[in-house]
Amino acid sequence: MKSSLTDNTSSMIDEKEQPLIHVDNAVKRFGRVAAVNGVDLRVDPGETLTIFGPNGAGKTTLLRMIAGLTQPTSGQIMIDSFPLDTHHDEVRGLLGYISHQSLVYDQLTARENLLFFAELYRVADSCGVAEKLLGDVGLTSRADDIVKTFSRGMKQRLSIARALVHSPTIVLLDEPFTGLDQHAADMLMKTLSRLSSEGRTVVMITHNLDVGIDMSSRVAIQVAGKISFDSPTDGLNHSEFRDLYFKTVGEAHY
């Protein structure tokens, strides 16, 4: 009996410590260039991680690998304990991906876009979900307008709704503030806060250091394809982090 209890306790601990996202020595090469070069990363359930870094650091490539949109040259990515390369169908519904490209259909209305993606993910009450999301991103009044008439900011807001239509456990955001006016940026920050309060796991790339720190429970710096800094934001001083960031980026380029 004692042995069984010990085994069960050990199993519970292992399960608790299992990260939702596990990147294990991931490398992605384009010819001779290693855009991602041996990245190890663990993201636990409910964490909000922001990855900073200069252009060309490999951040987008890393996020696309986590999203299953491109395969690593070597290494492995696990989502909820599933190897992503062999269990893509099992993890697809766990992921919501938002890039600086809207990834919505210009020839459809906003509502039609959301209903299309809801059907793709077999969402129950797709009409109700679409209506709520349109309200959440401030597009109710434009719900039946063709998307090609939308501004850049409006398309990005619709893209956020698209990524959330199936209520994903993990939300991946690649520079989501790009092209947003202040109103849309404020709306996005409220959405991120809500996702965090709901216990979603969020990984975001942004160049805005202050916003990234404020919206996250953890931050990392990626330079030259590697994660060179990784820390909780609790007690992190903005000014000191800014100095560290520019020092880290500067050292990587000289």
Protein backbone atom coordinates (compact mmCIF):
# COMPACT_ATOMS: atom_id res chain seq x y z
CA MET A 1 0.00 0.00 0.00
CA LYS A 2 2.80 2.39 0.91
CA SER A 3 4.57 1.72 -2.36
CA SER A 4 1.36 2.35 -4.30
CA LEU A 5 0.81 5.67 -2.50
CA THR A 6 4.37 6.72 -3.27
CA ASP A 7 3.94 5.79 -6.91
CA ASN A 8 0.67 7.72 -7.14
CA THR A 9 2.19 10.79 -5.45
CA SER A 10 5.16 10.69 -7.79
CA SER A 11 2.82 10.40 -10.76
CA MET A 12 0.81 13.40 -9.57
CA ILE A 13 3.98 15.47 -9.17
CA ASP A 14 5.21 14.51 -12.63
CA GLU A 15 1.84 15.43 -14.12
CA LYS A 16 1.79 18.76 -12.32
CA GLU A 17 5.28 19.64 -13.51
CA GLN A 18 4.59 18.74 -17.13
CA PRO A 19 4.74 21.95 -19.21
CA LEU A 20 1.97 22.72 -21.66
CA ILE A 21 4.57 23.78 -24.24
CA HIS A 22 7.97 22.08 -24.30
CA VAL A 23 10.56 23.08 -26.89
CA ASP A 24 13.51 20.70 -26.69
CA ASN A 25 16.75 21.78 -28.41
CA ALA A 26 14.85 23.06 -31.46
CA VAL A 27 16.82 24.07 -34.53
CA LYS A 28 15.42 25.53 -37.74
CA ARG A 29 17.76 26.03 -40.66
CA PHE A 30 17.17 27.84 -43.92
CA GLY A 31 20.11 26.71 -46.00
CA ARG A 32 23.20 27.46 -43.92
CA VAL A 33 21.41 29.94 -41.69
CA ALA A 34 20.08 28.72 -38.33
CA ALA A 35 17.10 31.00 -37.65
CA VAL A 36 16.46 29.05 -34.44
CA ASN A 37 19.58 27.53 -32.94
CA GLY A 38 19.10 25.07 -30.10
CA VAL A 39 16.19 26.64 -28.20
CA ASP A 40 14.98 25.00 -24.99
CA LEU A 41 11.75 26.44 -23.64
CA ARG A 42 9.08 25.32 -21.17
CA VAL A 43 5.79 27.15 -20.75
CA ASP A 44 3.49 26.03 -17.95
CA PRO A 45 -0.33 26.12 -18.02
CA GLY A 46 -1.65 29.62 -17.35
CA GLU A 47 1.64 31.40 -18.00
CA THR A 48 1.88 34.48 -20.20
CA LEU A 49 5.32 34.61 -21.80
CA THR A 50 6.55 37.52 -23.90
CA ILE A 51 9.60 37.00 -26.11
CA PHE A 52 11.57 40.10 -27.04
CA GLY A 53 14.38 40.38 -29.55
CA PRO A 54 15.65 42.31 -32.57
CA ASN A 55 14.45 41.66 -36.10
CA GLY A 56 16.07 38.51 -37.45
CA ALA A 57 16.44 36.88 -34.02
CA GLY A 58 14.25 33.93 -35.04
CA LYS A 59 11.25 34.81 -32.86
CA THR A 60 8.63 34.42 -35.58
CA THR A 61 10.19 31.16 -36.75
CA LEU A 62 10.09 29.82 -33.18
CA LEU A 63 6.44 30.82 -32.78
CA ARG A 64 5.52 29.26 -36.13
CA MET A 65 7.16 26.01 -35.03
CA ILE A 66 5.15 26.02 -31.79
CA ALA A 67 2.02 26.67 -33.87
CA GLY A 68 2.83 23.70 -36.09
CA LEU A 69 3.12 25.88 -39.20
CA THR A 70 6.71 24.86 -39.87
CA GLN A 71 8.73 21.87 -38.71
CA PRO A 72 12.06 22.11 -36.86
CA THR A 73 15.12 20.86 -38.69
CA SER A 74 16.03 19.02 -35.51
CA GLY A 75 14.83 18.87 -31.92
CA GLN A 76 11.29 18.34 -30.74
CA ILE A 77 8.23 20.37 -29.75
CA MET A 78 5.64 18.94 -27.38
CA ILE A 79 2.19 20.42 -26.87
CA ASP A 80 0.31 19.06 -23.85
CA SER A 81 2.70 16.05 -23.87
CA PHE A 82 2.00 15.30 -27.56
CA PRO A 83 4.90 15.43 -30.04
CA LEU A 84 3.73 18.09 -32.48
CA ASP A 85 5.26 16.45 -35.54
CA THR A 86 3.24 13.24 -35.12
CA HIS A 87 0.11 14.46 -33.30
CA HIS A 88 -0.82 17.64 -35.14
CA ASP A 89 -4.51 16.74 -35.30
CA GLU A 90 -4.67 16.17 -31.54
CA VAL A 91 -3.17 19.57 -30.68
CA ARG A 92 -4.65 21.71 -33.46
CA GLY A 93 -7.71 22.59 -31.40
CA LEU A 94 -5.55 23.68 -28.46
CA LEU A 95 -3.82 26.43 -30.44
CA GLY A 96 -4.91 29.89 -31.53
CA TYR A 97 -2.43 31.82 -33.70
CA ILE A 98 -2.40 35.56 -34.35
CA SER A 99 0.27 37.05 -36.60
CA HIS A 100 0.84 40.54 -37.96
CA GLN A 101 -0.91 39.21 -41.07
CA SER A 102 -4.65 39.02 -40.52
CA LEU A 103 -5.20 35.50 -41.95
CA VAL A 104 -8.85 36.25 -42.73
CA TYR A 105 -10.71 36.17 -46.05
CA ASP A 106 -11.15 39.58 -47.69
CA GLN A 107 -14.09 38.47 -49.85
CA LEU A 108 -16.19 37.36 -46.86
CA THR A 109 -17.91 39.47 -44.23
CA ALA A 110 -16.58 39.56 -40.68
CA ARG A 111 -19.41 37.32 -39.52
CA GLU A 112 -18.91 34.87 -42.39
CA ASN A 113 -15.21 34.62 -41.53
CA LEU A 114 -15.94 33.68 -37.94
CA LEU A 115 -18.67 31.22 -38.91
CA PHE A 116 -16.31 29.60 -41.42
CA PHE A 117 -13.59 29.06 -38.82
CA ALA A 118 -16.14 27.99 -36.21
CA GLU A 119 -17.37 25.29 -38.60
CA LEU A 120 -13.78 24.27 -39.31
CA TYR A 121 -13.26 23.63 -35.60
CA ARG A 122 -16.78 22.18 -35.14
CA VAL A 123 -17.71 24.82 -32.57
CA ALA A 124 -21.10 24.36 -30.91
CA ASP A 125 -23.44 27.38 -31.14
CA SER A 126 -21.21 28.94 -33.79
CA CYS A 127 -23.62 31.85 -34.33
CA GLY A 128 -23.62 32.75 -30.65
CA VAL A 129 -19.84 32.45 -30.40
CA ALA A 130 -19.34 34.63 -33.49
CA GLU A 131 -21.72 37.28 -32.16
CA LYS A 132 -19.95 37.43 -28.80
CA LEU A 133 -16.49 37.66 -30.35
CA LEU A 134 -17.58 40.41 -32.74
CA GLY A 135 -18.73 42.36 -29.70
CA ASP A 136 -15.52 41.62 -27.80
CA VAL A 137 -13.39 43.12 -30.59
CA GLY A 138 -15.75 46.01 -31.31
CA LEU A 139 -16.93 44.91 -34.75
CA THR A 140 -20.64 44.31 -34.17
CA SER A 141 -21.63 47.31 -36.30
CA ARG A 142 -19.44 46.04 -39.18
CA ALA A 143 -20.30 42.36 -38.82
CA ASP A 144 -21.92 42.08 -42.25
CA ASP A 145 -19.45 44.24 -44.18
CA ILE A 146 -16.94 42.72 -46.59
CA VAL A 147 -13.52 42.48 -44.93
CA LYS A 148 -11.69 44.05 -47.88
CA THR A 149 -13.32 47.35 -46.85
CA PHE A 150 -11.75 47.14 -43.38
CA SER A 151 -8.78 49.14 -42.15
CA ARG A 152 -5.59 47.40 -41.06
CA GLY A 153 -6.60 47.73 -37.40
CA MET A 154 -10.08 46.32 -38.01
CA LYS A 155 -8.65 43.32 -39.84
CA GLN A 156 -6.31 42.68 -36.94
CA ARG A 157 -9.20 42.84 -34.49
CA LEU A 158 -11.08 40.32 -36.62
CA SER A 159 -7.96 38.16 -36.69
CA ILE A 160 -7.97 38.11 -32.88
CA ALA A 161 -11.60 36.96 -32.91
CA ARG A 162 -10.74 34.30 -35.51
CA ALA A 163 -7.96 32.91 -33.33
CA LEU A 164 -10.26 32.67 -30.31
CA VAL A 165 -13.32 31.21 -32.05
CA HIS A 166 -12.61 27.66 -30.81
CA SER A 167 -11.63 28.78 -27.28
CA PRO A 168 -8.02 27.56 -27.51
CA THR A 169 -5.99 26.66 -24.45
CA ILE A 170 -2.85 28.22 -25.96
CA VAL A 171 -2.82 31.60 -27.72
CA LEU A 172 0.23 32.56 -29.80
CA LEU A 173 0.63 36.20 -30.85
CA ASP A 174 3.28 37.46 -33.27
CA GLU A 175 3.61 41.25 -32.96
CA PRO A 176 -0.16 41.65 -32.54
CA PHE A 177 0.05 45.41 -31.92
CA THR A 178 1.51 46.12 -35.38
CA GLY A 179 -0.71 48.54 -37.29
CA LEU A 180 -3.24 49.02 -34.48
CA ASP A 181 -4.51 52.45 -33.50
CA GLN A 182 -4.69 53.29 -29.80
CA HIS A 183 -8.30 52.17 -29.46
CA ALA A 184 -7.58 48.79 -31.02
CA ALA A 185 -4.38 48.41 -28.97
CA ASP A 186 -6.30 49.08 -25.76
CA MET A 187 -8.90 46.52 -26.80
CA LEU A 188 -6.17 43.96 -27.45
CA MET A 189 -4.62 44.57 -24.03
CA LYS A 190 -8.01 44.02 -22.40
CA THR A 191 -8.37 40.79 -24.37
CA LEU A 192 -4.93 39.62 -23.21
CA SER A 193 -5.82 40.43 -19.61
CA ARG A 194 -9.02 38.44 -19.95
CA LEU A 195 -7.19 35.46 -21.44
CA SER A 196 -4.76 35.53 -18.54
CA SER A 197 -7.54 35.72 -15.97
CA GLU A 198 -9.23 32.75 -17.66
CA GLY A 199 -6.08 30.69 -17.19
CA ARG A 200 -5.13 30.52 -20.87
CA THR A 201 -1.49 30.04 -21.79
CA VAL A 202 -0.18 32.92 -23.91
CA VAL A 203 3.09 33.31 -25.82
CA MET A 204 3.56 36.73 -27.40
CA ILE A 205 6.22 38.45 -29.47
CA THR A 206 6.40 42.23 -29.31
CA HIS A 207 8.96 45.03 -29.56
CA ASN A 208 7.14 47.07 -26.91
CA LEU A 209 9.15 46.32 -23.77
CA ASP A 210 6.84 48.06 -21.30
CA VAL A 211 3.64 46.48 -22.63
CA GLY A 212 5.29 43.07 -22.82
CA ILE A 213 6.44 43.20 -19.20
CA ASP A 214 3.12 44.55 -17.91
CA MET A 215 1.04 41.93 -19.75
CA SER A 216 3.21 38.92 -18.86
CA SER A 217 4.12 36.66 -15.99
CA ARG A 218 7.44 35.88 -17.68
CA VAL A 219 9.73 37.44 -20.28
CA ALA A 220 12.53 36.12 -22.46
CA ILE A 221 15.06 37.65 -24.84
CA GLN A 222 15.94 35.87 -28.07
CA VAL A 223 18.99 36.89 -30.08
CA ALA A 224 20.78 35.11 -32.93
CA GLY A 225 18.37 32.19 -32.72
CA LYS A 226 18.92 31.51 -29.02
CA ILE A 227 17.08 32.34 -25.79
CA SER A 228 19.66 34.35 -23.84
CA PHE A 229 17.46 35.54 -20.96
CA ASP A 230 14.36 34.09 -19.30
CA SER A 231 12.83 35.42 -16.08
CA PRO A 232 9.54 35.92 -14.22
CA THR A 233 8.27 39.50 -14.35
CA ASP A 234 7.52 39.56 -10.62
CA GLY A 235 9.83 42.22 -9.20
CA LEU A 236 11.37 42.95 -12.60
CA ASN A 237 12.37 46.62 -12.89
CA HIS A 238 11.42 48.13 -16.26
CA SER A 239 14.46 50.40 -16.46
CA GLU A 240 16.92 47.69 -15.48
CA PHE A 241 15.36 45.25 -17.94
CA ARG A 242 15.54 47.83 -20.72
CA ASP A 243 19.27 48.30 -20.03
CA LEU A 244 19.77 44.53 -19.96
CA TYR A 245 17.85 44.10 -23.21
CA PHE A 246 19.91 46.61 -25.18
CA LYS A 247 23.14 45.28 -23.66
CA THR A 248 22.20 41.71 -24.62
CA VAL A 249 21.19 42.69 -28.14
CA GLY A 250 24.30 44.84 -28.57
CA GLU A 251 26.65 42.08 -27.45
CA ALA A 252 25.06 39.66 -29.91
CA HIS A 253 25.77 41.96 -32.83
CA TYR A 254 29.40 42.80 -32.10
